[in-house]
Amino acid sequence: MKVIETRGPVCVSCTRCLRKCEVKSIQLTNNTAIIDDDLCILCGHCIEACPQHAKFYMSDASKVRNWLEGKRKMVLSLDPAYLGAFPGIEGGQIISAFRQAGFMAVHETAQAAAVLTSEYARIAENSHKPDHENNIITSACPAVNSLIEIYYPDLLPSLAPVASPMIAHGRYLKKYYGADTLVVYAGPCFARKGEAYAPENEGAVDAVLTFSELVRFMERLGIDMKQMEESRPDNPDPAVNKLYPTAGGIITALRCNEKFPDSRYMSFHISSISNCRNVLQELREGIYSNCVIEMSACPGGCVNGPARPADTSGYRCNLRLKKQTDRVSVPGQQVEDFLNTTAVVSCYSDKSPHYPVPSEEEISAMLLTMGKKSKRDEMDCGACGYQTCRENAIAACQGRSSYDRCTHYLHQKATSLANLVMEATPNMVMIIGGDLTIQEFSASCEKKFHLTRTEAIGKDLLEIIDDTDYAWALENKQNLRGKVVELTGYDTFVQQNITYLKDEHALLVILIDVTAQKRREDEEYMQKLEIVELAQKIIDKQMMTAQMIAGLLGETTAETKVTLNKLCRSLLGEEGGEG
């Protein structure tokens, strides 16, 4: 089962999760940060790191609520960090809240931790390994166990073959209450989910609730934990073993155990993944011998787990927990009763993924692709998420990263492309600041205005051309495009394209030289004027001719009329005389 998922549409590929991930188990695929389950140790720090909340874990809360509604037989294993993890809420109130919710019993996981302390002491007492091989790494932290299985499998002989407190406790509760009992674990750790679902631990724990979802879980059930009366858990007091969630808690418990050969072993605790990796590397190098090493993936121990309530201070939790814990061992009979029913042994195995190891030639070729032509070009800035350029190149060769994650490479590429545009474009390009000074000046501008880029930058625009339109665009925060103006003094006409840049309060100016087109249009206009003038002259002549013809026609018509009238009268007169 996949524990941590990514909301693809929400992920902005900022690499923050990758930078936070100590084991680089995150791949950037199609601009989405996807977790590689074969490499992930489920520390959960990527969930904390993501500013977009694109990373989320699979919750068992609805499953547990359904079991409660179905009146299933359920028992809770409660991580001892509960004693200080909830501000304003006492541990006894949390136990009462679970009982009211419907759990038939509530046990502290530290009940199993007491038994594991005895197992660590027994292993130390009975070890006959040579001194340089005689180191014992505690196995209480599932993230550390995964770290060793995946990245340091050669150190598995040093990892104590002991189950974690959660798994050992789950097995015990199943034996004690019956195989049909559903065991739910509650704690501040995401890695417990992966541990519970692992095939080798099948059947030990049925569901995991994190402390961060516990408050919401109770609210959904209508239970106010602050109003509950306090009650005690159903297990005997695990005493010093309640310190397991604190840094050094296991070592403290061991030193309280009379069977632990303290004089034979040096013991120390390490917390945080980076510190654990440093010590594991030193173990490889044979620096330690006869050491019991307590390791925790979370800085300061489980009290600082990523699944603790948001308002919880790990330091305050640490103090509250220590204040409520007696530094005494549990009775031996209590341990024997547990061991008589439950196996606490676990086998850890090599789970290292077999990615191809790129050759030096392949790494060098990838570095060259990233623009790293020499060692001096390897900035090792970490912006890509990897500590060094070489690490990123190796991951890119393995298909787990990409050369274009290098911000230095992208910057160089973007800069070179921008410079190429400024050098090659035939148009005049300028950036004008909010104070109407020149901030960028293209090669075409240099030719037209007879100024070098260095000379132009910082100059007032008015020293070169009329700035009226530019001042208007800045004042009104508007674009002004397509206007043709003459550059006075340069015998040039340009089409102005002024774009207002809101975020920078500046102007992007592109001046397109339209002088040839303007002159061609002017010539065509003059030709049209000449044609019109010629046509007008022809029209005028035609009108004069028409008028002359009309005049002549008028005179002859009048004469004809007079003549004909005379003729008519003459003819009429003659006829009348005869009558």
Protein backbone atom coordinates (compact mmCIF):
# COMPACT_ATOMS: atom_id res chain seq x y z
CA MET A 1 0.00 0.00 0.00
CA LYS A 2 1.32 3.43 -0.94
CA VAL A 3 1.60 5.59 2.21
CA ILE A 4 2.51 9.02 0.82
CA GLU A 5 0.88 10.36 -2.35
CA THR A 6 1.27 13.49 -4.48
CA ARG A 7 -1.54 15.70 -5.72
CA GLY A 8 -0.22 16.19 -9.25
CA PRO A 9 -2.23 19.31 -10.19
CA VAL A 10 -1.19 21.04 -6.95
CA CYS A 11 2.54 20.23 -7.18
CA VAL A 12 4.48 23.15 -8.69
CA SER A 13 7.77 21.28 -9.05
CA CYS A 14 9.57 23.61 -6.65
CA THR A 15 11.97 20.80 -5.51
CA ARG A 16 11.48 21.80 -1.87
CA CYS A 17 10.47 18.24 -0.94
CA LEU A 18 13.46 16.86 -2.81
CA ARG A 19 15.80 19.25 -1.02
CA LYS A 20 14.31 18.18 2.31
CA CYS A 21 14.54 14.47 1.45
CA GLU A 22 17.78 13.11 2.89
CA VAL A 23 17.71 9.98 0.72
CA LYS A 24 16.59 11.65 -2.55
CA SER A 25 13.69 9.27 -3.06
CA ILE A 26 11.70 11.82 -5.05
CA GLN A 27 11.67 11.94 -8.84
CA LEU A 28 10.48 14.87 -10.91
CA THR A 29 8.23 13.40 -13.60
CA ASN A 30 6.28 15.71 -15.91
CA ASN A 31 6.95 18.57 -13.50
CA THR A 32 5.46 16.61 -10.59
CA ALA A 33 7.46 15.41 -7.59
CA ILE A 34 6.69 11.68 -7.36
CA ILE A 35 7.95 9.48 -4.51
CA ASP A 36 9.89 6.39 -5.50
CA ASP A 37 8.60 3.79 -3.04
CA ASP A 38 11.71 1.63 -3.52
CA LEU A 39 13.88 4.42 -2.14
CA CYS A 40 11.54 6.10 0.37
CA ILE A 41 12.05 5.46 4.11
CA LEU A 42 8.71 7.16 4.98
CA CYS A 43 10.21 9.74 7.31
CA GLY A 44 7.37 12.07 6.23
CA HIS A 45 9.52 15.18 6.12
CA CYS A 46 8.43 15.85 2.53
CA ILE A 47 4.87 16.33 3.82
CA GLU A 48 6.13 18.93 6.29
CA ALA A 49 8.23 20.66 3.65
CA CYS A 50 5.64 21.04 0.87
CA PRO A 51 4.33 24.64 0.82
CA GLN A 52 1.47 23.70 -1.54
CA HIS A 53 0.26 20.73 0.57
CA ALA A 54 0.70 18.56 -2.51
CA LYS A 55 2.04 15.68 -0.39
CA PHE A 56 -0.43 13.77 1.76
CA TYR A 57 -0.52 10.46 3.61
CA MET A 58 -3.15 7.75 3.43
CA SER A 59 -5.43 7.95 6.46
CA ASP A 60 -6.96 5.02 8.31
CA ALA A 61 -9.39 7.28 10.21
CA SER A 62 -12.49 6.42 8.16
CA LYS A 63 -11.67 2.71 8.37
CA VAL A 64 -11.40 2.89 12.17
CA ARG A 65 -14.67 4.88 12.42
CA ASN A 66 -16.43 2.20 10.37
CA TRP A 67 -15.12 -0.49 12.72
CA LEU A 68 -16.40 1.50 15.69
CA GLU A 69 -19.81 1.88 14.10
CA GLY A 70 -19.84 -1.86 13.41
CA LYS A 71 -19.09 -2.58 17.10
CA ARG A 72 -15.91 -4.44 16.18
CA LYS A 73 -13.63 -5.71 18.93
CA MET A 74 -10.85 -3.12 19.01
CA VAL A 75 -7.78 -2.44 21.17
CA LEU A 76 -5.51 0.61 21.03
CA SER A 77 -1.71 0.62 21.24
CA LEU A 78 -0.83 4.16 22.32
CA ASP A 79 2.68 5.51 21.74
CA PRO A 80 4.11 6.85 25.02
CA ALA A 81 4.67 10.27 23.39
CA TYR A 82 0.94 10.85 24.06
CA LEU A 83 1.87 11.90 27.60
CA GLY A 84 3.24 15.22 26.33
CA ALA A 85 2.02 15.59 22.76
CA PHE A 86 -1.32 17.32 23.32
CA PRO A 87 -1.14 20.79 24.94
CA GLY A 88 -3.85 21.28 27.56
CA ILE A 89 -4.82 17.59 27.53
CA GLU A 90 -3.61 15.08 30.09
CA GLY A 91 -2.61 11.57 29.10
CA GLY A 92 -5.40 10.03 31.19
CA GLN A 93 -7.99 12.12 29.33
CA ILE A 94 -6.80 10.72 25.99
CA ILE A 95 -7.15 7.17 27.32
CA SER A 96 -10.70 7.92 28.51
CA ALA A 97 -11.56 9.46 25.13
CA PHE A 98 -10.61 6.26 23.31
CA ARG A 99 -12.65 4.18 25.71
CA GLN A 100 -15.65 6.42 25.17
CA ALA A 101 -15.12 6.12 21.41
CA GLY A 102 -15.65 2.37 21.71
CA PHE A 103 -12.23 0.75 22.19
CA MET A 104 -12.48 -2.21 24.56
CA ALA A 105 -8.96 -1.57 25.92
CA VAL A 106 -6.15 0.97 25.73
CA HIS A 107 -2.55 -0.13 26.21
CA GLU A 108 0.67 1.89 26.11
CA THR A 109 3.08 0.71 23.41
CA ALA A 110 5.82 1.09 26.02
CA GLN A 111 4.51 -2.19 27.46
CA ALA A 112 6.32 -3.87 24.55
CA ALA A 113 9.28 -1.48 24.79
CA ALA A 114 10.04 -2.87 28.25
CA VAL A 115 10.42 -6.34 26.73
CA LEU A 116 12.56 -5.04 23.85
CA THR A 117 14.91 -3.36 26.32
CA SER A 118 15.51 -6.78 27.88
CA GLU A 119 16.08 -8.24 24.39
CA TYR A 120 18.70 -5.58 23.59
CA ALA A 121 20.39 -6.36 26.90
CA ARG A 122 20.30 -10.11 26.17
CA ILE A 123 21.80 -9.62 22.68
CA ALA A 124 24.57 -7.44 24.11
CA GLU A 125 25.27 -9.91 26.89
CA ASN A 126 25.44 -12.95 24.60
CA SER A 127 27.33 -11.40 21.68
CA HIS A 128 30.59 -13.13 20.84
CA LYS A 129 31.51 -11.14 17.76
CA PRO A 130 35.01 -9.67 17.35
CA ASP A 131 35.25 -6.16 18.79
CA HIS A 132 35.37 -4.39 15.40
CA GLU A 133 32.12 -6.13 14.40
CA ASN A 134 30.41 -5.97 17.77
CA ASN A 135 28.07 -3.01 17.31
CA ILE A 136 24.34 -3.03 18.00
CA ILE A 137 21.93 -0.59 16.33
CA THR A 138 18.52 -0.34 17.96
CA SER A 139 15.53 -1.22 15.77
CA ALA A 140 12.77 0.85 17.36
CA CYS A 141 12.63 3.46 14.55
CA PRO A 142 11.07 2.06 11.33
CA ALA A 143 12.52 4.88 9.22
CA VAL A 144 16.05 4.02 10.40
CA ASN A 145 15.39 0.32 9.79
CA SER A 146 14.37 1.15 6.19
CA LEU A 147 17.38 3.43 5.83
CA ILE A 148 19.70 0.53 6.65
CA GLU A 149 17.80 -2.04 4.56
CA ILE A 150 17.77 0.19 1.45
CA TYR A 151 21.00 2.20 1.67
CA TYR A 152 23.32 0.32 4.05
CA PRO A 153 22.43 -3.38 3.66
CA ASP A 154 26.02 -4.32 4.46
CA LEU A 155 25.34 -3.09 8.02
CA LEU A 156 22.31 -5.35 8.57
CA PRO A 157 24.36 -7.66 10.88
CA SER A 158 24.63 -4.70 13.28
CA LEU A 159 20.87 -3.99 13.27
CA ALA A 160 19.31 -5.74 16.26
CA PRO A 161 17.00 -8.54 15.02
CA VAL A 162 14.23 -7.26 17.24
CA ALA A 163 10.76 -6.08 16.27
CA SER A 164 9.80 -2.46 16.81
CA PRO A 165 7.64 -1.70 19.88
CA MET A 166 4.53 -1.26 17.68
CA ILE A 167 4.89 -4.62 15.91
CA ALA A 168 5.80 -6.52 19.09
CA HIS A 169 2.90 -4.91 20.94
CA GLY A 170 0.44 -5.66 18.14
CA ARG A 171 1.42 -9.32 18.19
CA TYR A 172 1.04 -9.42 21.97
CA LEU A 173 -2.41 -7.78 21.96
CA LYS A 174 -3.62 -10.25 19.32
CA LYS A 175 -2.48 -13.13 21.53
CA TYR A 176 -3.90 -11.59 24.71
CA TYR A 177 -7.33 -10.57 23.40
CA GLY A 178 -7.73 -13.09 20.60
CA ALA A 179 -6.88 -13.27 16.91
CA ASP A 180 -10.19 -11.62 15.98
CA THR A 181 -9.18 -8.43 17.80
CA LEU A 182 -8.44 -5.40 15.68
CA VAL A 183 -5.33 -3.55 16.87
CA VAL A 184 -5.02 0.17 16.15
CA TYR A 185 -1.79 2.05 16.84
CA ALA A 186 -1.69 5.81 17.52
CA GLY A 187 1.57 7.78 17.39
CA PRO A 188 3.51 10.71 15.90
CA CYS A 189 5.12 8.78 13.03
CA PHE A 190 4.26 8.29 9.34
CA ALA A 191 6.75 5.44 8.95
CA ARG A 192 4.63 3.30 11.29
CA LYS A 193 2.02 3.11 8.52
CA GLY A 194 4.50 1.58 6.11
CA GLU A 195 5.75 -0.75 8.82
CA ALA A 196 2.22 -1.92 9.65
CA TYR A 197 1.45 -2.64 5.98
CA ALA A 198 4.75 -4.44 5.26
CA PRO A 199 4.22 -8.10 4.25
CA GLU A 200 6.65 -9.35 6.90
CA ASN A 201 4.52 -7.69 9.63
CA GLU A 202 1.15 -8.79 8.30
CA GLY A 203 -1.47 -9.33 10.98
CA ALA A 204 0.29 -7.47 13.80
CA VAL A 205 -1.43 -4.07 13.48
CA ASP A 206 -4.62 -3.41 11.53
CA ALA A 207 -4.62 0.39 11.36
CA VAL A 208 -2.45 3.38 12.25
CA LEU A 209 -3.72 6.76 13.42
CA THR A 210 -1.27 9.64 13.62
CA PHE A 211 -1.42 12.12 16.47
CA SER A 212 -2.04 14.88 13.93
CA GLU A 213 -5.29 13.21 12.79
CA LEU A 214 -6.27 12.06 16.29
CA VAL A 215 -7.75 15.43 17.27
CA ARG A 216 -9.89 15.55 14.11
CA PHE A 217 -10.85 11.92 14.66
CA MET A 218 -12.23 12.69 18.13
CA GLU A 219 -13.99 15.83 16.89
CA ARG A 220 -15.75 13.80 14.20
CA LEU A 221 -16.94 11.45 16.94
CA GLY A 222 -18.15 14.41 19.02
CA ILE A 223 -15.68 13.75 21.84
CA ASP A 224 -14.04 16.69 23.63
CA MET A 225 -10.87 15.25 25.15
CA LYS A 226 -10.40 18.27 27.43
CA GLN A 227 -13.70 17.47 29.18
CA MET A 228 -12.86 13.82 29.87
CA GLU A 229 -12.05 12.42 33.30
CA GLU A 230 -8.63 10.83 33.53
CA SER A 231 -8.18 7.06 33.58
CA ARG A 232 -5.25 4.66 33.55
CA PRO A 233 -4.20 2.38 30.68
CA ASP A 234 -4.88 -1.38 30.82
CA ASN A 235 -1.22 -2.36 31.04
CA PRO A 236 1.20 -2.45 33.99
CA ASP A 237 3.42 0.64 34.33
CA PRO A 238 6.26 0.33 31.77
CA ALA A 239 8.33 2.72 33.90
CA VAL A 240 11.54 3.97 32.25
CA ASN A 241 10.54 2.47 28.91
CA LYS A 242 8.06 5.32 28.40
CA LEU A 243 11.16 7.35 27.42
CA TYR A 244 11.54 5.47 24.10
CA PRO A 245 10.15 8.47 22.11
CA THR A 246 12.84 10.81 23.48
CA ALA A 247 16.39 11.04 22.15
CA GLY A 248 18.47 8.72 24.31
CA GLY A 249 15.38 7.10 25.85
CA ILE A 250 16.38 3.57 24.80
CA ILE A 251 19.92 3.99 26.16
CA THR A 252 18.47 5.29 29.43
CA ALA A 253 16.19 2.25 29.66
CA LEU A 254 19.09 -0.10 28.87
CA ARG A 255 21.24 1.34 31.63
CA CYS A 256 18.42 0.68 34.08
CA ASN A 257 18.40 -2.99 33.06
CA GLU A 258 20.60 -5.08 35.33
CA LYS A 259 21.42 -7.55 32.55
CA PHE A 260 22.94 -4.96 30.24
CA PRO A 261 26.77 -5.24 30.31
CA ASP A 262 27.32 -1.50 30.56
CA SER A 263 31.03 -1.86 31.29
CA ARG A 264 31.59 -3.73 28.02
CA TYR A 265 29.79 -1.33 25.71
CA MET A 266 29.97 2.29 24.83
CA SER A 267 26.48 3.59 24.13
CA PHE A 268 25.23 6.78 22.51
CA HIS A 269 22.19 8.09 20.68
CA ILE A 270 21.87 9.78 17.29
CA SER A 271 18.85 11.62 15.90
CA SER A 272 18.06 13.07 12.46
CA ILE A 273 18.59 11.22 9.21
CA SER A 274 21.70 13.15 8.25
CA ASN A 275 23.39 12.36 11.58
CA CYS A 276 22.36 8.72 11.30
CA ARG A 277 23.85 8.53 7.80
CA ASN A 278 27.11 10.03 9.01
CA VAL A 279 27.40 7.42 11.76
CA LEU A 280 26.40 4.59 9.42
CA GLN A 281 29.14 5.65 7.03
CA GLU A 282 31.62 5.68 9.90
CA LEU A 283 30.44 2.19 10.88
CA ARG A 284 31.29 1.10 7.35
CA GLU A 285 34.74 2.51 7.82
CA GLY A 286 35.23 0.50 11.04
CA ILE A 287 35.50 3.53 13.33
CA TYR A 288 33.27 2.06 16.07
CA SER A 289 33.54 -1.12 18.09
CA ASN A 290 31.57 -2.49 21.05
CA CYS A 291 28.93 0.23 20.75
CA VAL A 292 25.18 0.25 21.31
CA ILE A 293 23.83 2.97 19.05
CA GLU A 294 20.31 4.33 19.43
CA MET A 295 19.15 5.87 16.15
CA SER A 296 16.09 8.00 15.46
CA ALA A 297 15.18 9.57 12.12
CA CYS A 298 13.51 12.59 13.74
CA PRO A 299 15.67 15.29 15.35
CA GLY A 300 15.23 14.96 19.10
CA GLY A 301 13.43 11.62 18.78
CA CYS A 302 9.82 10.61 18.14
CA VAL A 303 8.52 13.53 20.21
CA ASN A 304 9.47 15.64 17.17
CA GLY A 305 7.79 13.26 14.73
CA PRO A 306 6.24 14.86 11.63
CA ALA A 307 2.78 13.46 12.52
CA ARG A 308 2.56 15.17 15.91
CA PRO A 309 -0.18 17.79 16.46
CA ALA A 310 0.60 21.09 14.72
CA ASP A 311 0.68 23.07 17.97
CA THR A 312 2.98 20.66 19.78
CA SER A 313 6.50 21.61 20.76
CA GLY A 314 8.81 18.62 20.73
CA TYR A 315 10.91 20.12 23.50
CA ARG A 316 7.88 20.71 25.73
CA CYS A 317 6.68 17.18 25.01
CA ASN A 318 10.13 15.86 25.91
CA LEU A 319 10.07 17.66 29.27
CA ARG A 320 6.52 16.57 30.12
CA LEU A 321 7.32 12.99 29.25
CA LYS A 322 10.47 12.86 31.34
CA LYS A 323 8.66 14.49 34.27
CA GLN A 324 6.06 11.69 34.31
CA THR A 325 8.51 8.80 33.96
CA ASP A 326 10.25 6.87 36.72
CA ARG A 327 13.74 5.72 35.87
CA VAL A 328 13.32 2.16 37.05
CA SER A 329 13.15 -1.12 35.18
CA VAL A 330 10.00 -3.27 35.05
CA PRO A 331 9.82 -6.53 36.98
CA GLY A 332 11.37 -9.52 35.25
CA GLN A 333 8.16 -11.54 35.55
CA GLN A 334 6.32 -8.95 33.50
CA VAL A 335 8.86 -9.43 30.69
CA GLU A 336 8.68 -13.22 30.95
CA ASP A 337 4.88 -13.21 30.73
CA PHE A 338 5.09 -11.18 27.54
CA LEU A 339 7.78 -13.38 25.97
CA ASN A 340 5.89 -16.55 26.82
CA THR A 341 3.11 -15.53 24.45
CA THR A 342 4.75 -13.32 21.86
CA ALA A 343 7.70 -13.48 19.47
CA VAL A 344 9.66 -10.24 19.45
CA VAL A 345 12.19 -11.30 16.82
CA SER A 346 12.14 -9.65 13.39
CA CYS A 347 14.34 -10.27 10.40
CA TYR A 348 15.51 -7.29 8.37
CA SER A 349 16.60 -7.85 4.79
CA ASP A 350 18.47 -6.24 1.92
CA LYS A 351 15.98 -4.01 0.08
CA SER A 352 18.46 -1.93 -1.87
CA PRO A 353 17.22 -1.08 -5.36
CA HIS A 354 19.52 -2.10 -8.16
CA TYR A 355 19.84 1.06 -10.20
CA PRO A 356 22.58 0.89 -12.83
CA VAL A 357 25.77 2.58 -11.69
CA PRO A 358 26.80 5.03 -14.43
CA SER A 359 30.39 5.04 -15.62
CA GLU A 360 32.68 8.03 -15.18
CA GLU A 361 32.32 8.73 -18.90
CA GLU A 362 28.52 8.82 -18.59
CA ILE A 363 28.69 11.09 -15.55
CA SER A 364 31.13 13.42 -17.29
CA ALA A 365 28.91 13.53 -20.39
CA MET A 366 25.89 14.41 -18.26
CA LEU A 367 27.84 17.12 -16.43
CA LEU A 368 28.85 18.53 -19.81
CA THR A 369 25.20 18.55 -20.89
CA MET A 370 24.44 20.52 -17.72
CA GLY A 371 27.02 23.10 -18.77
CA LYS A 372 29.66 21.85 -16.30
CA LYS A 373 32.71 22.00 -18.53
CA SER A 374 35.15 21.94 -15.62
CA LYS A 375 35.19 21.36 -11.87
CA ARG A 376 34.94 25.13 -11.43
CA ASP A 377 31.52 25.06 -13.10
CA GLU A 378 30.14 22.64 -10.51
CA MET A 379 28.45 25.14 -8.20
CA ASP A 380 27.05 22.52 -5.75
CA CYS A 381 24.37 25.06 -4.78
CA GLY A 382 21.77 22.40 -3.94
CA ALA A 383 18.91 24.22 -5.69
CA CYS A 384 18.12 21.14 -7.79
CA GLY A 385 17.54 19.18 -4.56
CA TYR A 386 20.86 17.32 -4.61
CA GLN A 387 23.86 18.27 -2.52
CA THR A 388 26.26 18.31 -5.44
CA CYS A 389 26.15 18.63 -9.22
CA ARG A 390 27.72 15.20 -9.46
CA GLU A 391 24.89 13.63 -7.42
CA ASN A 392 22.33 15.22 -9.73
CA ALA A 393 24.26 13.99 -12.78
CA ILE A 394 24.30 10.43 -11.43
CA ALA A 395 20.56 10.59 -10.69
CA ALA A 396 19.97 11.96 -14.20
CA CYS A 397 21.94 9.06 -15.71
CA GLN A 398 19.71 6.68 -13.72
CA GLY A 399 16.54 8.40 -14.89
CA ARG A 400 15.72 9.71 -11.41
CA SER A 401 16.43 13.35 -12.20
CA SER A 402 17.08 15.59 -15.18
CA TYR A 403 19.90 17.88 -16.24
CA ASP A 404 17.44 20.74 -16.66
CA ARG A 405 16.82 20.77 -12.89
CA CYS A 406 20.07 22.70 -12.61
CA THR A 407 19.12 26.35 -12.02
CA HIS A 408 22.60 27.50 -13.03
CA TYR A 409 22.19 25.68 -16.35
CA LEU A 410 18.70 27.13 -16.86
CA HIS A 411 19.94 30.62 -15.98
CA GLN A 412 22.80 30.36 -18.45
CA LYS A 413 20.45 29.04 -21.11
CA ALA A 414 17.85 31.74 -20.47
CA THR A 415 20.53 34.43 -20.43
CA SER A 416 22.10 33.21 -23.64
CA LEU A 417 18.69 33.04 -25.33
CA ALA A 418 17.80 36.52 -24.12
CA ASN A 419 21.13 37.84 -25.34
CA LEU A 420 20.64 36.05 -28.65
CA VAL A 421 17.26 37.75 -29.10
CA MET A 422 18.67 41.17 -28.17
CA GLU A 423 21.57 40.69 -30.55
CA ALA A 424 19.74 39.14 -33.50
CA THR A 425 16.38 40.88 -33.68
CA PRO A 426 16.17 43.57 -36.42
CA ASN A 427 13.71 45.53 -34.31
CA MET A 428 14.80 48.10 -31.77
CA VAL A 429 14.10 46.70 -28.27
CA MET A 430 14.36 48.65 -25.04
CA ILE A 431 13.31 48.26 -21.43
CA ILE A 432 12.31 51.61 -19.95
CA GLY A 433 12.16 51.93 -16.16
CA GLY A 434 9.48 53.67 -14.13
CA ASP A 435 11.67 56.78 -14.01
CA LEU A 436 11.88 56.80 -17.84
CA THR A 437 15.51 55.72 -17.87
CA ILE A 438 16.84 53.08 -20.24
CA GLN A 439 17.42 49.70 -18.58
CA GLU A 440 18.05 47.50 -21.63
CA PHE A 441 19.22 48.37 -25.14
CA SER A 442 19.36 46.01 -28.13
CA ALA A 443 22.00 45.85 -30.85
CA SER A 444 19.57 47.44 -33.34
CA CYS A 445 19.15 50.37 -30.96
CA GLU A 446 22.90 50.76 -30.81
CA LYS A 447 23.07 51.09 -34.61
CA LYS A 448 20.13 53.45 -34.92
CA PHE A 449 20.93 55.80 -32.05
CA HIS A 450 24.73 55.59 -32.36
CA LEU A 451 25.12 54.60 -28.71
CA THR A 452 26.64 51.53 -27.13
CA ARG A 453 24.53 49.54 -24.69
CA THR A 454 26.79 50.63 -21.84
CA GLU A 455 26.39 54.29 -22.79
CA ALA A 456 22.62 54.02 -23.18
CA ILE A 457 21.74 52.19 -19.96
CA GLY A 458 20.85 54.70 -17.28
CA LYS A 459 20.21 57.56 -19.72
CA ASP A 460 16.91 59.44 -19.70
CA LEU A 461 14.83 58.37 -22.68
CA LEU A 462 14.20 62.02 -23.51
CA GLU A 463 17.90 62.42 -24.35
CA ILE A 464 17.31 60.08 -27.31
CA ILE A 465 13.69 60.44 -28.43
CA ASP A 466 10.47 62.16 -27.47
CA ASP A 467 9.14 60.43 -24.33
CA THR A 468 5.56 61.74 -24.35
CA ASP A 469 3.90 58.43 -25.28
CA TYR A 470 6.11 56.50 -22.85
CA ALA A 471 5.28 58.80 -19.95
CA TRP A 472 1.58 58.39 -20.75
CA ALA A 473 1.86 54.58 -20.79
CA LEU A 474 3.61 54.56 -17.40
CA GLU A 475 1.24 57.05 -15.82
CA ASN A 476 -1.87 55.25 -17.03
CA LYS A 477 -0.38 51.76 -16.79
CA GLN A 478 -1.59 51.04 -20.29
CA ASN A 479 -0.22 49.52 -23.48
CA LEU A 480 0.22 51.65 -26.60
CA ARG A 481 0.69 49.68 -29.78
CA GLY A 482 0.70 50.29 -33.54
CA LYS A 483 1.27 54.06 -33.52
CA VAL A 484 3.62 55.27 -36.28
CA VAL A 485 5.86 58.18 -35.30
CA GLU A 486 8.92 59.90 -36.73
CA LEU A 487 12.17 59.70 -34.82
CA THR A 488 13.19 63.31 -35.13
CA GLY A 489 16.79 63.71 -36.12
CA TYR A 490 17.19 60.13 -37.31
CA ASP A 491 15.26 60.35 -40.61
CA THR A 492 13.32 57.30 -39.49
CA PHE A 493 9.71 56.33 -39.03
CA VAL A 494 8.87 53.57 -36.52
CA GLN A 495 5.81 51.70 -35.37
CA GLN A 496 5.71 51.97 -31.57
CA ASN A 497 4.74 48.92 -29.54
CA ILE A 498 4.80 49.88 -25.87
CA THR A 499 3.83 47.18 -23.32
CA TYR A 500 3.38 48.04 -19.66
CA LEU A 501 5.02 45.51 -17.31
CA LYS A 502 2.89 45.55 -14.18
CA ASP A 503 5.16 43.68 -11.78
CA GLU A 504 8.23 45.74 -12.70
CA HIS A 505 6.41 49.04 -13.34
CA ALA A 506 8.43 49.33 -16.51
CA LEU A 507 7.91 49.35 -20.26
CA LEU A 508 8.91 46.83 -22.89
CA VAL A 509 9.44 48.86 -26.06
CA ILE A 510 9.69 47.38 -29.54
CA LEU A 511 10.24 49.88 -32.35
CA ILE A 512 9.72 48.48 -35.83
CA ASP A 513 11.41 50.48 -38.59
CA VAL A 514 8.69 51.34 -41.15
CA THR A 515 10.64 54.08 -42.96
CA ALA A 516 10.70 52.25 -46.31
CA GLN A 517 7.02 51.44 -46.05
CA LYS A 518 6.21 55.04 -45.05
CA ARG A 519 8.17 56.44 -48.01
CA ARG A 520 6.54 53.96 -50.36
CA GLU A 521 3.13 54.98 -49.07
CA ASP A 522 4.05 58.66 -49.47
CA GLU A 523 5.19 58.05 -53.07
CA GLU A 524 1.99 56.19 -53.84
CA TYR A 525 0.01 59.03 -52.33
CA MET A 526 1.82 61.61 -54.47
CA GLN A 527 1.21 59.51 -57.56
CA LYS A 528 -2.46 59.39 -56.68
CA LEU A 529 -2.50 63.17 -56.28
CA GLU A 530 -0.93 63.61 -59.72
CA ILE A 531 -3.50 61.27 -61.31
CA VAL A 532 -6.32 63.11 -59.56
CA GLU A 533 -4.94 66.47 -60.75
CA LEU A 534 -4.62 65.20 -64.33
CA ALA A 535 -8.13 63.77 -64.22
CA GLN A 536 -9.42 67.07 -62.91
CA LYS A 537 -7.81 68.95 -65.83
CA ILE A 538 -9.41 66.55 -68.30
CA ILE A 539 -12.76 66.99 -66.62
CA ASP A 540 -12.40 70.76 -66.75
CA LYS A 541 -11.57 70.69 -70.48
CA GLN A 542 -14.49 68.39 -71.16
CA MET A 543 -16.78 70.73 -69.31
CA MET A 544 -15.55 73.72 -71.29
CA THR A 545 -16.05 71.86 -74.60
CA ALA A 546 -19.48 70.77 -73.52
CA GLN A 547 -20.35 74.32 -72.62
CA MET A 548 -19.10 75.64 -75.99
CA ILE A 549 -21.05 72.98 -77.87
CA ALA A 550 -24.09 73.76 -75.78
CA GLY A 551 -23.75 77.44 -76.62
CA LEU A 552 -23.51 76.82 -80.34
CA LEU A 553 -26.40 74.41 -80.23
CA GLY A 554 -28.41 76.99 -78.35
CA GLU A 555 -27.85 79.70 -81.02
CA THR A 556 -28.67 77.47 -84.01
CA THR A 557 -31.71 76.10 -82.24
CA ALA A 558 -33.02 79.63 -81.64
CA GLU A 559 -32.46 80.63 -85.25
CA THR A 560 -34.15 77.47 -86.46
CA LYS A 561 -37.08 78.16 -84.21
CA VAL A 562 -37.54 81.68 -85.51
CA THR A 563 -37.29 80.56 -89.09
CA LEU A 564 -39.77 77.77 -88.65
CA ASN A 565 -42.22 80.04 -86.86
CA LYS A 566 -42.03 82.51 -89.70
CA LEU A 567 -42.59 79.74 -92.17
CA CYS A 568 -45.62 78.50 -90.26
CA ARG A 569 -47.16 81.93 -90.05
CA SER A 570 -46.51 82.51 -93.68
CA LEU A 571 -48.20 79.32 -94.68
CA LEU A 572 -51.17 79.98 -92.43
CA GLY A 573 -51.54 83.50 -93.73
CA GLU A 574 -51.68 82.40 -97.32
CA GLU A 575 -54.36 79.80 -96.62
CA GLY A 576 -56.52 82.28 -94.75
CA GLY A 577 -56.37 84.74 -97.62
CA GLU A 578 -57.81 82.33 -100.07
CA GLY A 579 -60.71 81.50 -97.81
